N, C-alpha and C. Protein backbone atom coordinates (compact mmCIF):
# COMPACT_ATOMS: atom_id res chain seq x y z
N MET A 1 131.40 230.01 -72.34
CA MET A 1 131.77 229.81 -70.86
C MET A 1 132.38 228.25 -71.12
N VAL A 2 133.50 228.13 -70.49
CA VAL A 2 133.93 226.78 -70.70
C VAL A 2 133.35 225.86 -69.24
N SER A 3 132.83 224.56 -69.57
CA SER A 3 132.41 224.10 -68.55
C SER A 3 133.44 222.90 -67.96
N GLU A 4 133.46 222.80 -66.71
CA GLU A 4 134.38 221.81 -66.13
C GLU A 4 133.83 220.54 -65.92
N GLN A 5 134.57 219.34 -66.30
CA GLN A 5 133.93 218.16 -65.64
C GLN A 5 134.18 218.22 -64.22
N ARG A 6 132.74 217.78 -63.57
CA ARG A 6 132.92 217.47 -62.13
C ARG A 6 132.97 216.01 -61.86
N ILE A 7 133.80 215.60 -60.99
CA ILE A 7 134.07 214.15 -60.65
C ILE A 7 133.44 214.12 -59.25
N HIS A 8 132.80 212.96 -58.92
CA HIS A 8 132.31 212.67 -57.64
C HIS A 8 132.91 211.41 -57.01
N ALA A 9 133.50 211.53 -55.72
CA ALA A 9 133.89 210.26 -55.16
C ALA A 9 133.29 209.98 -53.89
N LEU A 10 132.75 208.70 -53.79
CA LEU A 10 132.14 208.30 -52.67
C LEU A 10 133.26 207.25 -52.05
N GLY A 11 133.29 207.52 -50.47
CA GLY A 11 134.47 206.59 -49.92
C GLY A 11 134.36 206.85 -48.26
N ARG A 12 135.14 206.06 -47.74
CA ARG A 12 135.23 205.96 -46.11
C ARG A 12 136.56 206.61 -45.77
N THR A 13 136.44 207.52 -44.62
CA THR A 13 137.73 208.13 -44.17
C THR A 13 138.22 207.10 -43.32
N ASP A 14 139.48 207.44 -42.77
CA ASP A 14 140.46 206.31 -41.87
C ASP A 14 139.38 206.43 -40.46
N ASP A 15 138.75 207.50 -40.28
CA ASP A 15 137.91 207.44 -38.95
C ASP A 15 136.29 206.80 -39.33
N GLY A 16 136.13 206.43 -40.70
CA GLY A 16 135.00 205.80 -40.79
C GLY A 16 133.66 206.60 -41.05
N ARG A 17 133.85 207.63 -41.55
CA ARG A 17 132.97 208.76 -42.00
C ARG A 17 132.82 208.30 -43.37
N LEU A 18 131.53 208.50 -43.85
CA LEU A 18 131.21 208.09 -45.25
C LEU A 18 130.77 209.31 -45.94
N LEU A 19 131.80 209.68 -46.99
CA LEU A 19 131.85 211.14 -47.44
C LEU A 19 131.65 211.14 -49.20
N HIS A 20 130.98 212.06 -49.53
CA HIS A 20 130.59 212.19 -50.90
C HIS A 20 131.68 213.58 -51.19
N ILE A 21 132.77 213.49 -52.17
CA ILE A 21 133.70 214.55 -52.56
C ILE A 21 133.27 215.02 -54.04
N THR A 22 132.99 216.12 -54.45
CA THR A 22 132.76 216.72 -55.80
C THR A 22 134.08 217.56 -55.95
N PHE A 23 135.05 217.25 -56.94
CA PHE A 23 136.02 218.14 -57.36
C PHE A 23 136.12 218.01 -58.94
N THR A 24 137.08 219.14 -59.42
CA THR A 24 137.49 219.11 -60.73
C THR A 24 138.79 219.13 -60.83
N LEU A 25 139.65 218.59 -61.82
CA LEU A 25 140.93 218.57 -62.05
C LEU A 25 141.39 219.99 -62.71
N ARG A 26 142.57 220.25 -62.29
CA ARG A 26 143.24 221.69 -63.03
C ARG A 26 144.60 221.47 -63.24
N THR A 27 145.19 222.22 -64.18
CA THR A 27 146.51 222.38 -64.58
C THR A 27 146.95 221.04 -64.93
N ASN A 28 146.49 220.58 -66.25
CA ASN A 28 146.88 219.32 -66.86
C ASN A 28 146.50 218.20 -65.86
N GLU A 29 145.53 218.35 -65.23
CA GLU A 29 145.23 216.99 -64.43
C GLU A 29 146.25 216.89 -63.35
N THR A 30 147.03 217.67 -62.64
CA THR A 30 147.84 217.69 -61.82
C THR A 30 147.52 218.37 -60.41
N ARG A 31 146.38 218.89 -60.60
CA ARG A 31 145.71 219.74 -59.40
C ARG A 31 144.35 219.17 -59.19
N ILE A 32 143.86 219.20 -57.96
CA ILE A 32 142.54 218.97 -57.51
C ILE A 32 141.89 220.13 -57.02
N ARG A 33 140.83 220.69 -57.38
CA ARG A 33 139.89 221.56 -56.86
C ARG A 33 138.84 221.03 -56.12
N VAL A 34 138.61 220.89 -54.99
CA VAL A 34 137.48 220.51 -54.23
C VAL A 34 136.30 221.35 -54.47
N ILE A 35 135.19 221.00 -54.83
CA ILE A 35 133.96 221.74 -54.92
C ILE A 35 133.18 221.57 -53.76
N SER A 36 133.01 220.61 -53.35
CA SER A 36 132.17 220.25 -52.04
C SER A 36 132.60 219.04 -51.14
N ALA A 37 132.62 218.89 -50.10
CA ALA A 37 132.72 217.47 -49.33
C ALA A 37 131.71 217.57 -48.35
N ARG A 38 130.81 216.30 -48.16
CA ARG A 38 129.82 216.17 -47.27
C ARG A 38 129.47 214.61 -46.99
N ASP A 39 128.77 214.41 -45.91
CA ASP A 39 128.38 213.18 -45.53
C ASP A 39 127.45 212.74 -46.71
N MET A 40 127.47 211.25 -47.02
CA MET A 40 126.81 210.56 -47.90
C MET A 40 125.32 210.86 -47.27
N SER A 41 124.42 210.81 -48.49
CA SER A 41 122.97 210.74 -48.07
C SER A 41 122.69 209.24 -47.88
N ARG A 42 121.47 208.92 -47.17
CA ARG A 42 121.07 207.65 -47.12
C ARG A 42 121.14 206.51 -48.34
N LYS A 43 120.78 207.23 -49.52
CA LYS A 43 120.83 206.64 -50.65
C LYS A 43 122.18 206.33 -51.18
N GLU A 44 123.11 207.28 -51.03
CA GLU A 44 124.46 207.07 -51.33
C GLU A 44 124.95 206.09 -50.38
N ARG A 45 124.71 205.89 -49.23
CA ARG A 45 125.42 204.93 -48.25
C ARG A 45 124.92 203.55 -48.81
N SER A 46 123.79 203.37 -49.00
CA SER A 46 123.24 202.15 -49.56
C SER A 46 124.04 201.70 -50.70
N TYR A 47 124.25 202.60 -51.80
CA TYR A 47 124.67 202.24 -53.06
C TYR A 47 126.23 201.84 -52.68
N ASN A 48 126.81 202.70 -51.98
CA ASN A 48 128.23 202.14 -51.56
C ASN A 48 128.45 201.01 -50.94
N GLU A 49 127.22 200.65 -50.00
CA GLU A 49 127.67 199.14 -49.33
C GLU A 49 127.14 198.20 -50.21
N GLN A 50 126.46 198.52 -51.31
CA GLN A 50 126.09 197.17 -52.18
C GLN A 50 127.31 197.17 -52.91
N GLU A 51 128.01 198.18 -53.43
CA GLU A 51 129.15 198.10 -54.28
C GLU A 51 130.46 197.49 -53.25
N ALA A 52 130.29 197.78 -52.01
CA ALA A 52 131.48 197.16 -51.52
C ALA A 52 131.20 195.54 -51.30
N ARG A 53 130.18 195.13 -51.06
CA ARG A 53 129.37 193.80 -51.10
C ARG A 53 129.96 193.06 -52.43
N SER A 54 129.76 193.93 -53.48
CA SER A 54 129.78 193.37 -54.86
C SER A 54 131.54 193.07 -55.04
N ARG A 55 132.44 193.97 -54.70
CA ARG A 55 133.85 193.77 -54.87
C ARG A 55 134.03 192.74 -54.07
N ALA A 56 133.75 192.72 -52.79
CA ALA A 56 134.17 191.61 -51.80
C ALA A 56 133.78 190.29 -52.36
N ALA A 57 132.55 189.95 -52.98
CA ALA A 57 132.23 188.92 -53.67
C ALA A 57 133.16 188.54 -55.00
N LEU A 58 133.50 189.60 -55.81
CA LEU A 58 134.43 189.19 -56.77
C LEU A 58 135.87 188.86 -56.23
N GLN A 59 136.08 189.59 -55.41
CA GLN A 59 137.65 189.43 -54.56
C GLN A 59 137.61 187.77 -54.15
N HIS A 60 136.58 187.47 -53.49
CA HIS A 60 136.42 186.03 -52.85
C HIS A 60 136.37 185.04 -54.11
N GLY A 61 135.74 185.11 -55.11
CA GLY A 61 135.65 184.47 -56.28
C GLY A 61 137.14 184.24 -56.84
N SER A 62 137.66 185.38 -56.92
CA SER A 62 138.98 185.29 -57.52
C SER A 62 139.94 184.40 -56.81
N ARG A 63 139.94 184.66 -55.53
CA ARG A 63 140.91 184.18 -54.73
C ARG A 63 140.38 182.31 -54.58
N ARG A 64 139.15 182.19 -54.62
CA ARG A 64 138.78 180.73 -54.76
C ARG A 64 139.52 180.18 -55.90
N ALA A 65 139.31 180.83 -57.12
CA ALA A 65 139.95 180.41 -58.24
C ALA A 65 141.38 179.90 -58.33
N ASP A 66 141.98 181.01 -57.64
CA ASP A 66 143.50 180.85 -57.61
C ASP A 66 143.77 179.45 -56.79
N LEU A 67 143.22 179.28 -55.61
CA LEU A 67 143.31 178.35 -54.60
C LEU A 67 143.02 176.99 -55.26
N LEU A 68 142.04 176.90 -56.34
CA LEU A 68 141.65 175.73 -56.99
C LEU A 68 142.57 175.50 -58.04
N GLY A 69 143.06 176.52 -58.69
CA GLY A 69 143.96 176.39 -59.78
C GLY A 69 143.22 176.51 -61.06
N THR A 70 142.12 177.25 -60.90
CA THR A 70 141.09 177.23 -62.29
C THR A 70 141.38 178.57 -62.92
N PRO A 71 141.31 178.85 -64.05
CA PRO A 71 141.51 180.04 -64.95
C PRO A 71 140.36 180.90 -64.62
């Protein structure tokens, strides 16, 4: 039996729903087969919020460095 790699994506929809999507790539990675789509669990929401704060802090630091002319 050949096992497929399952990919997990956590994200927010345009309507603000926080979803956990599990999928595989098919046909030379040009097609997606969705395995499941569900609302994030409390633990996943917490993780997603922490990651978003980390990304925002990194972006803020990068913009500040650009404004100050530091490398």
